[in-house]
Amino acid sequence: MEKSAKQVKETMKNDGKKVKIYTTSTCPWCMKTKEFFKENNVKYEEVNVGTSEDARNEMFQKSGQLGVPVVDANGTIIVGFDKDALKKALGI
């Protein structure tokens, strides 16, 4: 079954944009953020800062925060689950 033009556009929303989310395995707001990405067909890389000191240090360098989630959307840093900021950064 072929994808419609709308489906193709939806799946290509963040092509060319790098989206990285720093999480821990027990963070409910991280789960909400990932659900938001899934609902909006946003491809992302997940980094668990609970299991990697290097990742935790990288996240702190970018955000100045130790709380999660932290999203790096093509250089725009968003701390916490902020739907409006995510939509703006991702162009959705």
N, C-alpha and C. Protein backbone atom coordinates (compact mmCIF):
# COMPACT_ATOMS: atom_id res chain seq x y z
N MET A 1 0.84 -1.18 0.00
CA MET A 1 0.00 0.00 0.00
C MET A 1 0.89 1.25 0.00
N GLU A 2 0.64 2.15 -0.93
CA GLU A 2 1.44 3.36 -1.03
C GLU A 2 1.02 4.38 0.00
N LYS A 3 1.99 5.17 0.44
CA LYS A 3 1.69 6.25 1.38
C LYS A 3 1.11 7.43 0.62
N SER A 4 0.16 8.10 1.25
CA SER A 4 -0.37 9.32 0.65
C SER A 4 0.66 10.43 0.79
N ALA A 5 0.45 11.51 0.05
CA ALA A 5 1.37 12.65 0.13
C ALA A 5 1.41 13.20 1.55
N LYS A 6 0.26 13.20 2.24
CA LYS A 6 0.21 13.70 3.61
C LYS A 6 1.05 12.80 4.53
N GLN A 7 0.93 11.47 4.37
CA GLN A 7 1.70 10.55 5.20
C GLN A 7 3.20 10.73 4.95
N VAL A 8 3.59 10.91 3.72
CA VAL A 8 5.00 11.11 3.39
C VAL A 8 5.49 12.40 4.05
N LYS A 9 4.69 13.45 3.96
CA LYS A 9 5.05 14.72 4.58
C LYS A 9 5.17 14.57 6.09
N GLU A 10 4.22 13.85 6.68
CA GLU A 10 4.25 13.64 8.14
C GLU A 10 5.52 12.90 8.57
N THR A 11 5.90 11.86 7.84
CA THR A 11 7.06 11.08 8.25
C THR A 11 8.36 11.81 7.98
N MET A 12 8.32 12.86 7.16
CA MET A 12 9.53 13.59 6.84
C MET A 12 9.64 14.89 7.62
N LYS A 13 8.77 15.10 8.61
CA LYS A 13 8.72 16.36 9.35
C LYS A 13 10.08 16.84 9.82
N ASN A 14 10.85 15.96 10.44
CA ASN A 14 12.10 16.43 10.99
C ASN A 14 13.30 15.88 10.24
N ASP A 15 13.10 15.49 8.97
CA ASP A 15 14.25 15.07 8.18
C ASP A 15 15.25 16.21 8.13
N GLY A 16 16.49 15.90 8.36
CA GLY A 16 17.52 16.92 8.34
C GLY A 16 17.70 17.59 9.69
N LYS A 17 16.79 17.34 10.63
CA LYS A 17 16.93 17.89 11.97
C LYS A 17 17.37 16.78 12.91
N LYS A 18 18.27 17.13 13.80
CA LYS A 18 18.71 16.17 14.80
C LYS A 18 17.94 16.41 16.09
N VAL A 19 17.31 15.36 16.58
CA VAL A 19 16.56 15.46 17.83
C VAL A 19 17.12 14.40 18.78
N LYS A 20 17.56 14.87 19.93
CA LYS A 20 18.10 13.97 20.95
C LYS A 20 17.37 14.26 22.25
N ILE A 21 16.96 13.19 22.93
CA ILE A 21 16.31 13.35 24.23
C ILE A 21 17.13 12.63 25.28
N TYR A 22 17.43 13.36 26.34
CA TYR A 22 18.15 12.81 27.49
C TYR A 22 17.10 12.40 28.50
N THR A 23 17.16 11.13 28.93
CA THR A 23 16.12 10.55 29.77
C THR A 23 16.72 9.74 30.92
N THR A 24 15.82 9.27 31.79
CA THR A 24 16.12 8.17 32.71
C THR A 24 14.99 7.17 32.52
N SER A 25 15.21 5.95 32.95
CA SER A 25 14.20 4.92 32.70
C SER A 25 12.93 5.08 33.53
N THR A 26 12.95 5.87 34.59
CA THR A 26 11.77 5.99 35.45
C THR A 26 11.09 7.36 35.35
N CYS A 27 11.49 8.19 34.42
CA CYS A 27 10.99 9.56 34.31
C CYS A 27 9.66 9.61 33.55
N PRO A 28 8.55 9.98 34.23
CA PRO A 28 7.26 10.03 33.54
C PRO A 28 7.19 11.12 32.47
N TRP A 29 7.86 12.25 32.69
CA TRP A 29 7.84 13.33 31.69
C TRP A 29 8.65 12.97 30.46
N CYS A 30 9.65 12.12 30.64
CA CYS A 30 10.41 11.61 29.50
C CYS A 30 9.49 10.74 28.63
N MET A 31 8.70 9.92 29.28
CA MET A 31 7.76 9.06 28.56
C MET A 31 6.73 9.90 27.80
N LYS A 32 6.24 10.98 28.44
CA LYS A 32 5.29 11.87 27.77
C LYS A 32 5.93 12.52 26.55
N THR A 33 7.19 12.92 26.67
CA THR A 33 7.88 13.56 25.55
C THR A 33 8.05 12.58 24.41
N LYS A 34 8.42 11.35 24.72
CA LYS A 34 8.58 10.33 23.67
C LYS A 34 7.23 10.00 23.02
N GLU A 35 6.15 9.99 23.80
CA GLU A 35 4.81 9.78 23.23
C GLU A 35 4.48 10.92 22.26
N PHE A 36 4.81 12.15 22.66
CA PHE A 36 4.59 13.31 21.79
C PHE A 36 5.36 13.14 20.48
N PHE A 37 6.61 12.70 20.56
CA PHE A 37 7.40 12.47 19.35
C PHE A 37 6.73 11.41 18.47
N LYS A 38 6.29 10.33 19.08
CA LYS A 38 5.66 9.25 18.32
C LYS A 38 4.38 9.73 17.64
N GLU A 39 3.55 10.47 18.38
CA GLU A 39 2.29 10.99 17.83
C GLU A 39 2.53 11.93 16.65
N ASN A 40 3.67 12.60 16.65
CA ASN A 40 3.99 13.58 15.61
C ASN A 40 5.04 13.08 14.62
N ASN A 41 5.32 11.77 14.65
CA ASN A 41 6.25 11.14 13.72
C ASN A 41 7.62 11.81 13.71
N VAL A 42 8.13 12.12 14.90
CA VAL A 42 9.43 12.75 15.03
C VAL A 42 10.46 11.68 15.34
N LYS A 43 11.48 11.61 14.50
CA LYS A 43 12.58 10.67 14.74
C LYS A 43 13.49 11.30 15.78
N TYR A 44 13.98 10.46 16.70
CA TYR A 44 14.84 11.00 17.76
C TYR A 44 15.82 9.93 18.23
N GLU A 45 16.87 10.42 18.87
CA GLU A 45 17.84 9.55 19.52
C GLU A 45 17.64 9.70 21.02
N GLU A 46 17.51 8.59 21.71
CA GLU A 46 17.33 8.62 23.17
C GLU A 46 18.63 8.27 23.85
N VAL A 47 18.99 9.06 24.87
CA VAL A 47 20.20 8.82 25.65
C VAL A 47 19.79 8.74 27.12
N ASN A 48 20.07 7.60 27.75
CA ASN A 48 19.71 7.40 29.15
C ASN A 48 20.85 7.90 30.03
N VAL A 49 20.62 9.03 30.71
CA VAL A 49 21.65 9.62 31.55
C VAL A 49 21.79 8.89 32.89
N GLY A 50 20.86 8.00 33.17
CA GLY A 50 20.94 7.20 34.39
C GLY A 50 21.96 6.09 34.30
N THR A 51 22.35 5.76 33.09
CA THR A 51 23.31 4.66 32.89
C THR A 51 24.63 5.12 32.29
N SER A 52 24.75 6.41 31.97
CA SER A 52 25.96 6.90 31.32
C SER A 52 26.40 8.24 31.90
N GLU A 53 27.52 8.23 32.58
CA GLU A 53 28.05 9.46 33.14
C GLU A 53 28.44 10.45 32.04
N ASP A 54 28.98 9.93 30.94
CA ASP A 54 29.34 10.81 29.81
C ASP A 54 28.11 11.52 29.27
N ALA A 55 27.01 10.78 29.13
CA ALA A 55 25.76 11.38 28.63
C ALA A 55 25.23 12.42 29.61
N ARG A 56 25.32 12.12 30.90
CA ARG A 56 24.87 13.06 31.93
C ARG A 56 25.69 14.35 31.86
N ASN A 57 27.00 14.22 31.69
CA ASN A 57 27.86 15.40 31.57
C ASN A 57 27.54 16.20 30.31
N GLU A 58 27.29 15.50 29.20
CA GLU A 58 26.93 16.17 27.94
C GLU A 58 25.63 16.94 28.11
N MET A 59 24.64 16.32 28.75
CA MET A 59 23.36 16.97 28.98
C MET A 59 23.53 18.21 29.85
N PHE A 60 24.33 18.10 30.90
CA PHE A 60 24.56 19.23 31.80
C PHE A 60 25.27 20.38 31.08
N GLN A 61 26.23 20.04 30.22
CA GLN A 61 26.93 21.07 29.44
C GLN A 61 25.96 21.84 28.55
N LYS A 62 25.02 21.12 27.94
CA LYS A 62 24.07 21.75 27.02
C LYS A 62 23.00 22.56 27.76
N SER A 63 22.53 22.05 28.89
CA SER A 63 21.34 22.65 29.52
C SER A 63 21.61 23.35 30.85
N GLY A 64 22.71 22.99 31.50
CA GLY A 64 22.94 23.52 32.84
C GLY A 64 22.03 22.88 33.88
N GLN A 65 21.36 21.81 33.49
CA GLN A 65 20.39 21.13 34.35
C GLN A 65 20.76 19.66 34.53
N LEU A 66 20.35 19.11 35.66
CA LEU A 66 20.49 17.67 35.87
C LEU A 66 19.14 16.96 35.81
N GLY A 67 18.05 17.72 35.72
CA GLY A 67 16.71 17.12 35.61
C GLY A 67 16.43 16.70 34.18
N VAL A 68 15.56 15.72 34.03
CA VAL A 68 15.18 15.23 32.70
C VAL A 68 13.66 15.36 32.55
N PRO A 69 13.16 15.40 31.34
CA PRO A 69 13.89 15.27 30.09
C PRO A 69 14.55 16.58 29.66
N VAL A 70 15.61 16.42 28.90
CA VAL A 70 16.22 17.53 28.18
C VAL A 70 16.22 17.13 26.72
N VAL A 71 15.69 18.01 25.88
CA VAL A 71 15.63 17.74 24.44
C VAL A 71 16.54 18.72 23.73
N ASP A 72 17.37 18.18 22.83
CA ASP A 72 18.18 19.01 21.94
C ASP A 72 17.56 18.84 20.55
N ALA A 73 16.81 19.85 20.13
CA ALA A 73 16.14 19.82 18.83
C ALA A 73 16.91 20.72 17.88
N ASN A 74 17.87 20.12 17.20
CA ASN A 74 18.69 20.84 16.22
C ASN A 74 19.36 22.07 16.84
N GLY A 75 19.85 21.90 18.09
CA GLY A 75 20.55 22.98 18.75
C GLY A 75 19.70 23.79 19.71
N THR A 76 18.38 23.64 19.65
CA THR A 76 17.49 24.31 20.60
C THR A 76 17.31 23.39 21.80
N ILE A 77 17.68 23.88 22.99
CA ILE A 77 17.60 23.06 24.20
C ILE A 77 16.29 23.35 24.92
N ILE A 78 15.55 22.28 25.21
CA ILE A 78 14.26 22.39 25.90
C ILE A 78 14.35 21.51 27.14
N VAL A 79 14.13 22.12 28.30
CA VAL A 79 14.18 21.38 29.57
C VAL A 79 12.75 21.10 30.01
N GLY A 80 12.47 19.83 30.29
CA GLY A 80 11.13 19.43 30.70
C GLY A 80 10.25 19.15 29.49
N PHE A 81 9.01 18.76 29.76
CA PHE A 81 8.05 18.49 28.69
C PHE A 81 7.28 19.77 28.42
N ASP A 82 7.71 20.49 27.40
CA ASP A 82 7.10 21.77 27.02
C ASP A 82 6.60 21.62 25.59
N LYS A 83 5.33 21.26 25.49
CA LYS A 83 4.73 20.94 24.18
C LYS A 83 4.86 22.09 23.20
N ASP A 84 4.59 23.32 23.63
CA ASP A 84 4.66 24.48 22.74
C ASP A 84 6.09 24.72 22.24
N ALA A 85 7.06 24.62 23.15
CA ALA A 85 8.46 24.81 22.76
C ALA A 85 8.90 23.70 21.80
N LEU A 86 8.45 22.47 22.03
CA LEU A 86 8.79 21.36 21.13
C LEU A 86 8.20 21.60 19.75
N LYS A 87 6.94 22.00 19.70
CA LYS A 87 6.30 22.26 18.41
C LYS A 87 7.04 23.36 17.65
N LYS A 88 7.41 24.42 18.35
CA LYS A 88 8.11 25.52 17.70
C LYS A 88 9.48 25.07 17.19
N ALA A 89 10.23 24.35 18.02
CA ALA A 89 11.57 23.90 17.64
C ALA A 89 11.54 22.92 16.48
N LEU A 90 10.45 22.13 16.41
CA LEU A 90 10.35 21.10 15.37
C LEU A 90 9.55 21.56 14.16
N GLY A 91 8.96 22.72 14.25
CA GLY A 91 8.17 23.23 13.13
C GLY A 91 6.88 22.48 12.89
N ILE A 92 6.23 22.06 13.99
CA ILE A 92 4.96 21.32 13.86
C ILE A 92 3.84 22.02 14.61
